[in-house]
Amino acid sequence: MSRRLPPLNALRAFEAAARHLSFTEAARELNVTQAAVSHQIRGLEARLGQPLFHRRNRGLALTDGGRSYLPALTEAFDLMDKATRRLSLREEEGSLKVSALPSFAARWLLPRLTRFREQHPDIDVLVSANQELSDLEAEGIDVGLRFGSGRYPGLTVERLMGDQRLPVCSPALLQGPKPLRKPDDLRHHVLLHDEVFGGGIEADWQTWIRLVGLKGIDPQRGPGFSDSAMVLSAAIAGQGVALTRASLAIDDIAAGLLILPFGPSVRTRYDYWFVTTPRAAAQAKVKAFRAWMMAEVADTEARMEALAAEQGNAQVGD
């Protein structure tokens, strides 16, 4: 059934004027002119076929019709106001949906989320891990954490941090009959491959071996994995040597699960980016998450720089 309602602006003008018994005060509340309020109410009265106010020299008084009409309108506007506030609160607090690569989500983001929850217990972070770029608007995603060129048309984009690729392995590989001590020792060890970021997208073993100037080592041998997190798990298990992004391995290195046996490290071609829709960028929960992310990546970058300095590894471009 279709509703036969008067124009909303006319109803708002009447409800405000009836509460204040003043066109002037209603105009001030609605941020319009007194003439506009008077015009809206005269149009409403014409539509209803009856007067709503007694207009007197000393002010306004409601007619019987106006008095019976007012409570229902006030209740309706109060309900709309409450519903709008609830919706706004849910958007500003509530849940925050974040999209990220599975490797970055598992190895960097999730271990740090406890600190965000401690600072913002009213915001529940929902992480969507996917190798493909998400359509933020269509999928209702608030924040995308992307590793790429930073060219994402129509979105609000801010650089988070750069990264570097470096060889890592289990400390166990430093022992045994053929210990891993220098780059040339790689000929005696299994090379672990990240198939997603290899092959020209990011520095792979072939690129690294060429930069180091090693001869007689087949850069293609060894198992491959579709995700960087799996490569790191294999390295921690002592299954070989991985060429990984420092940001993903920094916590495992600090915990002693992985070591950096030698350098050099290779700067990644791509960076990490904080990506949102223009609408989401203005939300308080997104701003809170962004501020937290910036502090966390600053700490990660400082730790990566300290690691490179400690190992004495010169960085080279890929």
C-alpha atoms as a PDB file:
ATOM      1  CA  MET A   1       0.000   0.000   0.000  1.00  0.00           C
ATOM      2  CA  SER A   2       1.430   3.370  -1.022  1.00  0.00           C
ATOM      3  CA  ARG A   3       1.687   6.100   1.613  1.00  0.00           C
ATOM      4  CA  ARG A   4      -0.031   9.438   0.964  1.00  0.00           C
ATOM      5  CA  LEU A   5       2.227  11.632   3.046  1.00  0.00           C
ATOM      6  CA  PRO A   6       2.725  15.395   2.932  1.00  0.00           C
ATOM      7  CA  PRO A   7       6.212  16.644   2.029  1.00  0.00           C
ATOM      8  CA  LEU A   8       8.765  15.868   4.777  1.00  0.00           C
ATOM      9  CA  ASN A   9       9.988  19.481   4.950  1.00  0.00           C
ATOM     10  CA  ALA A  10       6.452  20.687   5.641  1.00  0.00           C
ATOM     11  CA  LEU A  11       6.018  18.126   8.421  1.00  0.00           C
ATOM     12  CA  ARG A  12       9.349  19.127   9.966  1.00  0.00           C
ATOM     13  CA  ALA A  13       8.396  22.809   9.829  1.00  0.00           C
ATOM     14  CA  PHE A  14       5.056  22.176  11.536  1.00  0.00           C
ATOM     15  CA  GLU A  15       6.515  19.870  14.205  1.00  0.00           C
ATOM     16  CA  ALA A  16       9.281  22.349  15.110  1.00  0.00           C
ATOM     17  CA  ALA A  17       6.917  25.350  15.119  1.00  0.00           C
ATOM     18  CA  ALA A  18       4.378  23.448  17.213  1.00  0.00           C
ATOM     19  CA  ARG A  19       6.974  22.521  19.828  1.00  0.00           C
ATOM     20  CA  HIS A  20       8.275  26.069  20.088  1.00  0.00           C
ATOM     21  CA  LEU A  21       4.965  27.811  19.304  1.00  0.00           C
ATOM     22  CA  SER A  22       7.141  30.107  17.232  1.00  0.00           C
ATOM     23  CA  PHE A  23       7.960  30.306  13.537  1.00  0.00           C
ATOM     24  CA  THR A  24      11.144  32.190  14.433  1.00  0.00           C
ATOM     25  CA  GLU A  25      12.461  29.458  16.743  1.00  0.00           C
ATOM     26  CA  ALA A  26      11.482  26.748  14.256  1.00  0.00           C
ATOM     27  CA  ALA A  27      13.394  28.574  11.526  1.00  0.00           C
ATOM     28  CA  ARG A  28      16.455  28.790  13.778  1.00  0.00           C
ATOM     29  CA  GLU A  29      16.299  25.049  14.577  1.00  0.00           C
ATOM     30  CA  LEU A  30      15.877  24.055  10.931  1.00  0.00           C
ATOM     31  CA  ASN A  31      18.414  26.605   9.673  1.00  0.00           C
ATOM     32  CA  VAL A  32      15.969  28.205   7.223  1.00  0.00           C
ATOM     33  CA  THR A  33      14.185  31.555   7.084  1.00  0.00           C
ATOM     34  CA  GLN A  34      11.007  32.353   9.005  1.00  0.00           C
ATOM     35  CA  ALA A  35       9.270  32.976   5.669  1.00  0.00           C
ATOM     36  CA  ALA A  36      10.213  29.453   4.539  1.00  0.00           C
ATOM     37  CA  VAL A  37       8.693  27.929   7.678  1.00  0.00           C
ATOM     38  CA  SER A  38       5.512  29.963   7.245  1.00  0.00           C
ATOM     39  CA  HIS A  39       5.277  28.947   3.574  1.00  0.00           C
ATOM     40  CA  GLN A  40       5.746  25.235   4.368  1.00  0.00           C
ATOM     41  CA  ILE A  41       3.079  25.296   7.071  1.00  0.00           C
ATOM     42  CA  ARG A  42       0.535  27.149   4.887  1.00  0.00           C
ATOM     43  CA  GLY A  43       1.099  24.519   2.196  1.00  0.00           C
ATOM     44  CA  LEU A  44       0.558  21.733   4.751  1.00  0.00           C
ATOM     45  CA  GLU A  45      -2.628  23.324   6.017  1.00  0.00           C
ATOM     46  CA  ALA A  46      -3.901  23.605   2.451  1.00  0.00           C
ATOM     47  CA  ARG A  47      -3.123  19.956   1.820  1.00  0.00           C
ATOM     48  CA  LEU A  48      -4.850  18.855   5.033  1.00  0.00           C
ATOM     49  CA  GLY A  49      -7.797  21.158   4.446  1.00  0.00           C
ATOM     50  CA  GLN A  50      -7.696  22.719   7.918  1.00  0.00           C
ATOM     51  CA  PRO A  51      -5.659  25.200   9.960  1.00  0.00           C
ATOM     52  CA  LEU A  52      -3.066  23.904  12.390  1.00  0.00           C
ATOM     53  CA  PHE A  53      -2.355  27.190  14.218  1.00  0.00           C
ATOM     54  CA  HIS A  54      -4.274  30.120  15.562  1.00  0.00           C
ATOM     55  CA  ARG A  55      -2.165  33.078  14.502  1.00  0.00           C
ATOM     56  CA  ARG A  56      -2.463  35.793  17.148  1.00  0.00           C
ATOM     57  CA  ASN A  57      -0.731  39.094  17.705  1.00  0.00           C
ATOM     58  CA  ARG A  58       1.113  37.763  20.755  1.00  0.00           C
ATOM     59  CA  GLY A  59       2.105  34.433  19.200  1.00  0.00           C
ATOM     60  CA  LEU A  60       0.839  31.081  18.027  1.00  0.00           C
ATOM     61  CA  ALA A  61      -1.586  28.572  19.484  1.00  0.00           C
ATOM     62  CA  LEU A  62      -2.387  25.121  18.165  1.00  0.00           C
ATOM     63  CA  THR A  63      -5.836  24.324  16.860  1.00  0.00           C
ATOM     64  CA  ASP A  64      -7.528  21.105  17.958  1.00  0.00           C
ATOM     65  CA  GLY A  65      -6.301  19.502  14.752  1.00  0.00           C
ATOM     66  CA  GLY A  66      -2.761  20.747  15.368  1.00  0.00           C
ATOM     67  CA  ARG A  67      -2.772  19.386  18.935  1.00  0.00           C
ATOM     68  CA  SER A  68      -3.902  15.937  17.781  1.00  0.00           C
ATOM     69  CA  TYR A  69      -1.381  15.894  14.912  1.00  0.00           C
ATOM     70  CA  LEU A  70       1.710  16.912  16.902  1.00  0.00           C
ATOM     71  CA  PRO A  71       2.325  13.863  19.191  1.00  0.00           C
ATOM     72  CA  ALA A  72       2.394  11.367  16.321  1.00  0.00           C
ATOM     73  CA  LEU A  73       4.784  13.514  14.286  1.00  0.00           C
ATOM     74  CA  THR A  74       7.092  14.100  17.265  1.00  0.00           C
ATOM     75  CA  GLU A  75       7.198  10.371  17.957  1.00  0.00           C
ATOM     76  CA  ALA A  76       7.903   9.611  14.285  1.00  0.00           C
ATOM     77  CA  PHE A  77      10.777  12.117  14.112  1.00  0.00           C
ATOM     78  CA  ASP A  78      12.193  10.817  17.406  1.00  0.00           C
ATOM     79  CA  LEU A  79      12.151   7.266  16.011  1.00  0.00           C
ATOM     80  CA  MET A  80      13.907   8.400  12.832  1.00  0.00           C
ATOM     81  CA  ASP A  81      16.495  10.266  14.896  1.00  0.00           C
ATOM     82  CA  LYS A  82      17.190   7.222  17.080  1.00  0.00           C
ATOM     83  CA  ALA A  83      17.435   4.915  14.064  1.00  0.00           C
ATOM     84  CA  THR A  84      19.871   7.290  12.367  1.00  0.00           C
ATOM     85  CA  ARG A  85      22.006   7.559  15.498  1.00  0.00           C
ATOM     86  CA  ARG A  86      22.099   3.773  15.862  1.00  0.00           C
ATOM     87  CA  LEU A  87      23.140   3.359  12.241  1.00  0.00           C
ATOM     88  CA  SER A  88      25.831   6.029  12.549  1.00  0.00           C
ATOM     89  CA  LEU A  89      27.129   4.464  15.763  1.00  0.00           C
ATOM     90  CA  ARG A  90      27.314   1.046  14.138  1.00  0.00           C
ATOM     91  CA  GLU A  91      29.276   2.540  11.228  1.00  0.00           C
ATOM     92  CA  GLU A  92      31.630   4.491  13.470  1.00  0.00           C
ATOM     93  CA  GLU A  93      32.239   1.658  15.924  1.00  0.00           C
ATOM     94  CA  GLY A  94      31.009  -1.914  15.524  1.00  0.00           C
ATOM     95  CA  SER A  95      32.972  -4.032  13.056  1.00  0.00           C
ATOM     96  CA  LEU A  96      35.803  -3.059  10.733  1.00  0.00           C
ATOM     97  CA  LYS A  97      36.327  -5.303   7.705  1.00  0.00           C
ATOM     98  CA  VAL A  98      39.908  -5.461   6.484  1.00  0.00           C
ATOM     99  CA  SER A  99      41.167  -7.145   3.315  1.00  0.00           C
ATOM    100  CA  ALA A 100      44.788  -8.310   3.075  1.00  0.00           C
ATOM    101  CA  LEU A 101      47.004 -10.881   1.396  1.00  0.00           C
ATOM    102  CA  PRO A 102      46.917 -14.194   3.317  1.00  0.00           C
ATOM    103  CA  SER A 103      50.667 -14.001   4.000  1.00  0.00           C
ATOM    104  CA  PHE A 104      50.514 -10.457   5.390  1.00  0.00           C
ATOM    105  CA  ALA A 105      47.383 -11.240   7.385  1.00  0.00           C
ATOM    106  CA  ALA A 106      48.864 -14.371   8.959  1.00  0.00           C
ATOM    107  CA  ARG A 107      52.461 -13.267   9.535  1.00  0.00           C
ATOM    108  CA  TRP A 108      52.148  -9.548  10.257  1.00  0.00           C
ATOM    109  CA  LEU A 109      48.610  -8.353  10.948  1.00  0.00           C
ATOM    110  CA  LEU A 110      47.104 -11.063  13.164  1.00  0.00           C
ATOM    111  CA  PRO A 111      49.998 -11.229  15.678  1.00  0.00           C
ATOM    112  CA  ARG A 112      49.571  -7.477  16.273  1.00  0.00           C
ATOM    113  CA  LEU A 113      45.789  -7.188  16.435  1.00  0.00           C
ATOM    114  CA  THR A 114      45.708  -7.776  20.185  1.00  0.00           C
ATOM    115  CA  ARG A 115      47.280  -4.350  20.641  1.00  0.00           C
ATOM    116  CA  PHE A 116      44.574  -2.747  18.495  1.00  0.00           C
ATOM    117  CA  ARG A 117      41.817  -4.473  20.491  1.00  0.00           C
ATOM    118  CA  GLU A 118      43.365  -3.203  23.722  1.00  0.00           C
ATOM    119  CA  GLN A 119      43.255   0.366  22.411  1.00  0.00           C
ATOM    120  CA  HIS A 120      39.825   0.058  20.751  1.00  0.00           C
ATOM    121  CA  PRO A 121      37.750  -2.647  22.464  1.00  0.00           C
ATOM    122  CA  ASP A 122      34.580  -1.316  20.797  1.00  0.00           C
ATOM    123  CA  ILE A 123      35.851  -2.118  17.270  1.00  0.00           C
ATOM    124  CA  ASP A 124      35.782  -5.725  16.061  1.00  0.00           C
ATOM    125  CA  VAL A 125      38.228  -6.322  13.208  1.00  0.00           C
ATOM    126  CA  LEU A 126      37.081  -8.844  10.599  1.00  0.00           C
ATOM    127  CA  VAL A 127      39.954  -9.972   8.367  1.00  0.00           C
ATOM    128  CA  SER A 128      39.312 -11.162   4.824  1.00  0.00           C
ATOM    129  CA  ALA A 129      42.437 -12.856   3.385  1.00  0.00           C
ATOM    130  CA  ASN A 130      42.511 -13.148  -0.395  1.00  0.00           C
ATOM    131  CA  GLN A 131      45.152 -13.256  -3.119  1.00  0.00           C
ATOM    132  CA  GLU A 132      42.905 -11.266  -5.443  1.00  0.00           C
ATOM    133  CA  LEU A 133      42.241  -7.530  -5.131  1.00  0.00           C
ATOM    134  CA  SER A 134      38.918  -6.989  -3.378  1.00  0.00           C
ATOM    135  CA  ASP A 135      36.262  -4.590  -4.621  1.00  0.00           C
ATOM    136  CA  LEU A 136      36.009  -2.549  -1.426  1.00  0.00           C
ATOM    137  CA  GLU A 137      32.677  -0.900  -2.211  1.00  0.00           C
ATOM    138  CA  ALA A 138      30.920  -3.980  -3.591  1.00  0.00           C
ATOM    139  CA  GLU A 139      32.172  -6.296  -0.815  1.00  0.00           C
ATOM    140  CA  GLY A 140      31.577  -3.858   2.042  1.00  0.00           C
ATOM    141  CA  ILE A 141      35.267  -3.758   2.989  1.00  0.00           C
ATOM    142  CA  ASP A 142      36.412  -0.759   5.023  1.00  0.00           C
ATOM    143  CA  VAL A 143      40.189  -1.069   4.559  1.00  0.00           C
ATOM    144  CA  GLY A 144      42.395  -2.818   2.019  1.00  0.00           C
ATOM    145  CA  LEU A 145      46.022  -3.536   2.960  1.00  0.00           C
ATOM    146  CA  ARG A 146      47.665  -3.989  -0.418  1.00  0.00           C
ATOM    147  CA  PHE A 147      51.145  -4.841  -1.666  1.00  0.00           C
ATOM    148  CA  GLY A 148      51.606  -3.272  -5.053  1.00  0.00           C
ATOM    149  CA  SER A 149      52.229  -0.166  -7.102  1.00  0.00           C
ATOM    150  CA  GLY A 150      49.827   2.122  -5.206  1.00  0.00           C
ATOM    151  CA  ARG A 151      47.813   2.904  -8.330  1.00  0.00           C
ATOM    152  CA  TYR A 152      44.228   2.168  -7.320  1.00  0.00           C
ATOM    153  CA  PRO A 153      41.893   4.584  -9.192  1.00  0.00           C
ATOM    154  CA  GLY A 154      38.887   5.945  -7.332  1.00  0.00           C
ATOM    155  CA  LEU A 155      40.219   4.981  -3.904  1.00  0.00           C
ATOM    156  CA  THR A 156      41.968   6.852  -1.107  1.00  0.00           C
ATOM    157  CA  VAL A 157      45.529   5.485  -1.038  1.00  0.00           C
ATOM    158  CA  GLU A 158      48.337   6.045   1.483  1.00  0.00           C
ATOM    159  CA  ARG A 159      51.741   4.370   1.582  1.00  0.00           C
ATOM    160  CA  LEU A 160      52.377   2.225   4.641  1.00  0.00           C
ATOM    161  CA  MET A 161      55.932   0.925   4.218  1.00  0.00           C
ATOM    162  CA  GLY A 162      58.480  -0.548   1.879  1.00  0.00           C
ATOM    163  CA  ASP A 163      60.083  -3.949   2.268  1.00  0.00           C
ATOM    164  CA  GLN A 164      63.060  -6.053   1.314  1.00  0.00           C
ATOM    165  CA  ARG A 165      63.599  -9.653   0.241  1.00  0.00           C
ATOM    166  CA  LEU A 166      66.234 -11.659   2.092  1.00  0.00           C
ATOM    167  CA  PRO A 167      67.229 -15.293   2.649  1.00  0.00           C
ATOM    168  CA  VAL A 168      66.113 -16.921   5.901  1.00  0.00           C
ATOM    169  CA  CYS A 169      66.337 -20.427   7.301  1.00  0.00           C
ATOM    170  CA  SER A 170      66.054 -22.452  10.471  1.00  0.00           C
ATOM    171  CA  PRO A 171      69.046 -22.184  12.859  1.00  0.00           C
ATOM    172  CA  ALA A 172      69.372 -25.942  12.389  1.00  0.00           C
ATOM    173  CA  LEU A 173      70.799 -25.390   8.905  1.00  0.00           C
ATOM    174  CA  LEU A 174      73.902 -23.795  10.434  1.00  0.00           C
ATOM    175  CA  GLN A 175      74.804 -27.205  11.824  1.00  0.00           C
ATOM    176  CA  GLY A 176      75.426 -30.575  10.253  1.00  0.00           C
ATOM    177  CA  PRO A 177      77.916 -31.870   7.708  1.00  0.00           C
ATOM    178  CA  LYS A 178      77.242 -29.012   5.237  1.00  0.00           C
ATOM    179  CA  PRO A 179      76.466 -25.945   7.369  1.00  0.00           C
ATOM    180  CA  LEU A 180      74.973 -22.870   5.712  1.00  0.00           C
ATOM    181  CA  ARG A 181      77.505 -20.088   6.329  1.00  0.00           C
ATOM    182  CA  LYS A 182      77.934 -18.185   3.058  1.00  0.00           C
ATOM    183  CA  PRO A 183      75.920 -17.733  -0.170  1.00  0.00           C
ATOM    184  CA  ASP A 184      77.935 -20.371  -2.019  1.00  0.00           C
ATOM    185  CA  ASP A 185      76.730 -22.969   0.526  1.00  0.00           C
ATOM    186  CA  LEU A 186      73.273 -22.736  -1.030  1.00  0.00           C
ATOM    187  CA  ARG A 187      74.378 -25.366  -3.554  1.00  0.00           C
ATOM    188  CA  HIS A 188      74.064 -27.932  -0.738  1.00  0.00           C
ATOM    189  CA  HIS A 189      70.630 -26.834   0.453  1.00  0.00           C
ATOM    190  CA  VAL A 190      67.030 -26.859  -0.765  1.00  0.00           C
ATOM    191  CA  LEU A 191      65.687 -23.594  -2.172  1.00  0.00           C
ATOM    192  CA  LEU A 192      62.089 -22.788  -1.160  1.00  0.00           C
ATOM    193  CA  HIS A 193      60.102 -20.833  -3.740  1.00  0.00           C
ATOM    194  CA  ASP A 194      57.231 -18.393  -3.417  1.00  0.00           C
ATOM    195  CA  GLU A 195      55.459 -18.997  -6.727  1.00  0.00           C
ATOM    196  CA  VAL A 196      53.023 -16.107  -6.322  1.00  0.00           C
ATOM    197  CA  PHE A 197      55.671 -13.413  -6.022  1.00  0.00           C
ATOM    198  CA  GLY A 198      58.331 -15.075  -8.127  1.00  0.00           C
ATOM    199  CA  GLY A 199      58.722 -15.031 -11.875  1.00  0.00           C
ATOM    200  CA  GLY A 200      59.248 -11.311 -12.442  1.00  0.00           C
ATOM    201  CA  ILE A 201      56.741  -9.830  -9.986  1.00  0.00           C
ATOM    202  CA  GLU A 202      59.180  -9.708  -7.080  1.00  0.00           C
ATOM    203  CA  ALA A 203      62.796 -10.739  -6.608  1.00  0.00           C
ATOM    204  CA  ASP A 204      63.058 -14.550  -6.786  1.00  0.00           C
ATOM    205  CA  TRP A 205      65.996 -16.892  -6.291  1.00  0.00           C
ATOM    206  CA  GLN A 206      67.124 -16.451  -9.890  1.00  0.00           C
ATOM    207  CA  THR A 207      67.307 -12.680  -9.432  1.00  0.00           C
ATOM    208  CA  TRP A 208      69.030 -12.946  -6.038  1.00  0.00           C
ATOM    209  CA  ILE A 209      71.649 -15.462  -7.245  1.00  0.00           C
ATOM    210  CA  ARG A 210      72.393 -13.265 -10.243  1.00  0.00           C
ATOM    211  CA  LEU A 211      72.819 -10.185  -8.036  1.00  0.00           C
ATOM    212  CA  VAL A 212      75.181 -12.042  -5.701  1.00  0.00           C
ATOM    213  CA  GLY A 213      77.166 -13.401  -8.642  1.00  0.00           C
ATOM    214  CA  LEU A 214      76.923 -17.092  -7.724  1.00  0.00           C
ATOM    215  CA  LYS A 215      77.795 -19.700 -10.336  1.00  0.00           C
ATOM    216  CA  GLY A 216      76.839 -23.340 -10.663  1.00  0.00           C
ATOM    217  CA  ILE A 217      73.592 -23.128  -8.617  1.00  0.00           C
ATOM    218  CA  ASP A 218      70.293 -24.001 -10.268  1.00  0.00           C
ATOM    219  CA  PRO A 219      67.848 -21.284  -9.070  1.00  0.00           C
ATOM    220  CA  GLN A 220      64.831 -23.303 -10.223  1.00  0.00           C
ATOM    221  CA  ARG A 221      65.323 -26.383  -8.054  1.00  0.00           C
ATOM    222  CA  GLY A 222      63.320 -26.926  -4.896  1.00  0.00           C
ATOM    223  CA  PRO A 223      59.624 -26.956  -3.935  1.00  0.00           C
ATOM    224  CA  GLY A 224      57.266 -24.022  -4.473  1.00  0.00           C
ATOM    225  CA  PHE A 225      54.302 -22.722  -2.517  1.00  0.00           C
ATOM    226  CA  SER A 226      51.353 -20.525  -3.456  1.00  0.00           C
ATOM    227  CA  ASP A 227      51.631 -18.321  -0.380  1.00  0.00           C
ATOM    228  CA  SER A 228      54.532 -16.674   1.454  1.00  0.00           C
ATOM    229  CA  ALA A 229      53.257 -17.836   4.847  1.00  0.00           C
ATOM    230  CA  MET A 230      53.642 -21.461   3.739  1.00  0.00           C
ATOM    231  CA  VAL A 231      57.173 -20.765   2.514  1.00  0.00           C
ATOM    232  CA  LEU A 232      58.074 -19.439   5.958  1.00  0.00           C
ATOM    233  CA  SER A 233      56.478 -22.423   7.695  1.00  0.00           C
ATOM    234  CA  ALA A 234      58.597 -24.748   5.556  1.00  0.00           C
ATOM    235  CA  ALA A 235      61.727 -22.746   6.392  1.00  0.00           C
ATOM    236  CA  ILE A 236      60.976 -22.853  10.131  1.00  0.00           C
ATOM    237  CA  ALA A 237      60.579 -26.629   9.832  1.00  0.00           C
ATOM    238  CA  GLY A 238      64.107 -26.823   8.422  1.00  0.00           C
ATOM    239  CA  GLN A 239      62.990 -27.884   4.936  1.00  0.00           C
ATOM    240  CA  GLY A 240      65.201 -25.386   3.128  1.00  0.00           C
ATOM    241  CA  VAL A 241      66.126 -21.738   2.631  1.00  0.00           C
ATOM    242  CA  ALA A 242      63.428 -19.193   1.801  1.00  0.00           C
ATOM    243  CA  LEU A 243      63.774 -15.849   0.055  1.00  0.00           C
ATOM    244  CA  THR A 244      61.095 -13.859   1.833  1.00  0.00           C
ATOM    245  CA  ARG A 245      59.909 -10.362   2.636  1.00  0.00           C
ATOM    246  CA  ALA A 246      61.506  -9.083   5.830  1.00  0.00           C
ATOM    247  CA  SER A 247      58.186  -7.770   7.147  1.00  0.00           C
ATOM    248  CA  LEU A 248      56.773 -11.297   7.173  1.00  0.00           C
ATOM    249  CA  ALA A 249      59.795 -12.902   8.834  1.00  0.00           C
ATOM    250  CA  ILE A 250      60.759 -10.209  11.364  1.00  0.00           C
ATOM    251  CA  ASP A 251      58.780 -11.717  14.256  1.00  0.00           C
ATOM    252  CA  ASP A 252      60.058 -15.250  13.590  1.00  0.00           C
ATOM    253  CA  ILE A 253      63.615 -13.914  13.464  1.00  0.00           C
ATOM    254  CA  ALA A 254      63.104 -12.107  16.777  1.00  0.00           C
ATOM    255  CA  ALA A 255      61.729 -15.336  18.286  1.00  0.00           C
ATOM    256  CA  GLY A 256      64.753 -17.317  17.101  1.00  0.00           C
ATOM    257  CA  LEU A 257      62.698 -19.509  14.764  1.00  0.00           C
ATOM    258  CA  LEU A 258      64.455 -18.125  11.707  1.00  0.00           C
ATOM    259  CA  ILE A 259      67.858 -16.582  11.089  1.00  0.00           C
ATOM    260  CA  LEU A 260      69.314 -14.402   8.368  1.00  0.00           C
ATOM    261  CA  PRO A 261      72.452 -16.411   7.453  1.00  0.00           C
ATOM    262  CA  PHE A 262      73.886 -13.835   5.056  1.00  0.00           C
ATOM    263  CA  GLY A 263      72.962 -11.041   2.704  1.00  0.00           C
ATOM    264  CA  PRO A 264      72.447  -9.064   0.670  1.00  0.00           C
ATOM    265  CA  SER A 265      68.830  -8.026   1.007  1.00  0.00           C
ATOM    266  CA  VAL A 266      66.957  -6.848  -2.090  1.00  0.00           C
ATOM    267  CA  ARG A 267      64.573  -3.902  -1.970  1.00  0.00           C
ATOM    268  CA  THR A 268      61.112  -4.866  -3.139  1.00  0.00           C
ATOM    269  CA  ARG A 269      59.723  -3.210  -6.231  1.00  0.00           C
ATOM    270  CA  TYR A 270      56.363  -2.750  -4.542  1.00  0.00           C
ATOM    271  CA  ASP A 271      55.251  -1.221  -1.238  1.00  0.00           C
ATOM    272  CA  TYR A 272      52.411  -1.764   1.216  1.00  0.00           C
ATOM    273  CA  TRP A 273      49.421   0.569   0.927  1.00  0.00           C
ATOM    274  CA  PHE A 274      46.478   1.549   3.115  1.00  0.00           C
ATOM    275  CA  VAL A 275      43.470   1.723   0.792  1.00  0.00           C
ATOM    276  CA  THR A 276      39.880   2.811   1.488  1.00  0.00           C
ATOM    277  CA  THR A 277      36.903   4.264  -0.334  1.00  0.00           C
ATOM    278  CA  PRO A 278      36.607   8.066   0.080  1.00  0.00           C
ATOM    279  CA  ARG A 279      33.468   7.558   2.194  1.00  0.00           C
ATOM    280  CA  ALA A 280      35.119   5.037   4.533  1.00  0.00           C
ATOM    281  CA  ALA A 281      38.224   7.214   4.923  1.00  0.00           C
ATOM    282  CA  ALA A 282      36.170   9.745   6.911  1.00  0.00           C
ATOM    283  CA  GLN A 283      34.884   7.210   9.446  1.00  0.00           C
ATOM    284  CA  ALA A 284      36.254   7.334  12.981  1.00  0.00           C
ATOM    285  CA  LYS A 285      36.910   3.582  13.120  1.00  0.00           C
ATOM    286  CA  VAL A 286      38.935   3.720   9.894  1.00  0.00           C
ATOM    287  CA  LYS A 287      40.925   6.699  11.162  1.00  0.00           C
ATOM    288  CA  ALA A 288      41.634   4.815  14.406  1.00  0.00           C
ATOM    289  CA  PHE A 289      42.822   1.744  12.496  1.00  0.00           C
ATOM    290  CA  ARG A 290      44.968   3.876  10.205  1.00  0.00           C
ATOM    291  CA  ALA A 291      46.668   5.618  13.152  1.00  0.00           C
ATOM    292  CA  TRP A 292      47.372   2.249  14.774  1.00  0.00           C
ATOM    293  CA  MET A 293      48.713   0.817  11.505  1.00  0.00           C
ATOM    294  CA  MET A 294      51.063   3.768  11.026  1.00  0.00           C
ATOM    295  CA  ALA A 295      52.561   3.253  14.484  1.00  0.00           C
ATOM    296  CA  GLU A 296      52.962  -0.474  13.925  1.00  0.00           C
ATOM    297  CA  VAL A 297      54.619  -0.169  10.499  1.00  0.00           C
ATOM    298  CA  ALA A 298      56.998   2.490  11.833  1.00  0.00           C
ATOM    299  CA  ASP A 299      58.108  -0.035  14.448  1.00  0.00           C
ATOM    300  CA  THR A 300      58.451  -2.766  11.819  1.00  0.00           C
ATOM    301  CA  GLU A 301      60.521  -0.552   9.522  1.00  0.00           C
ATOM    302  CA  ALA A 302      62.829   0.374  12.400  1.00  0.00           C
ATOM    303  CA  ARG A 303      63.296  -3.303  13.255  1.00  0.00           C
ATOM    304  CA  MET A 304      64.032  -4.188   9.623  1.00  0.00           C
ATOM    305  CA  GLU A 305      66.642  -1.429   9.425  1.00  0.00           C
ATOM    306  CA  ALA A 306      68.226  -2.613  12.667  1.00  0.00           C
ATOM    307  CA  LEU A 307      68.297  -6.186  11.366  1.00  0.00           C
ATOM    308  CA  ALA A 308      70.038  -5.124   8.161  1.00  0.00           C
ATOM    309  CA  ALA A 309      72.569  -3.059  10.115  1.00  0.00           C
ATOM    310  CA  GLU A 310      73.231  -5.895  12.567  1.00  0.00           C
ATOM    311  CA  GLN A 311      73.866  -8.373   9.768  1.00  0.00           C
ATOM    312  CA  GLY A 312      75.940  -5.859   7.832  1.00  0.00           C
ATOM    313  CA  ASN A 313      73.946  -6.489   4.681  1.00  0.00           C
ATOM    314  CA  ALA A 314      74.047  -3.935   1.910  1.00  0.00           C
ATOM    315  CA  GLN A 315      70.702  -3.487   0.185  1.00  0.00           C
ATOM    316  CA  VAL A 316      70.513  -3.664  -3.573  1.00  0.00           C
ATOM    317  CA  GLY A 317      67.672  -2.878  -5.935  1.00  0.00           C
ATOM    318  CA  ASP A 318      65.783  -5.686  -7.640  1.00  0.00           C
END
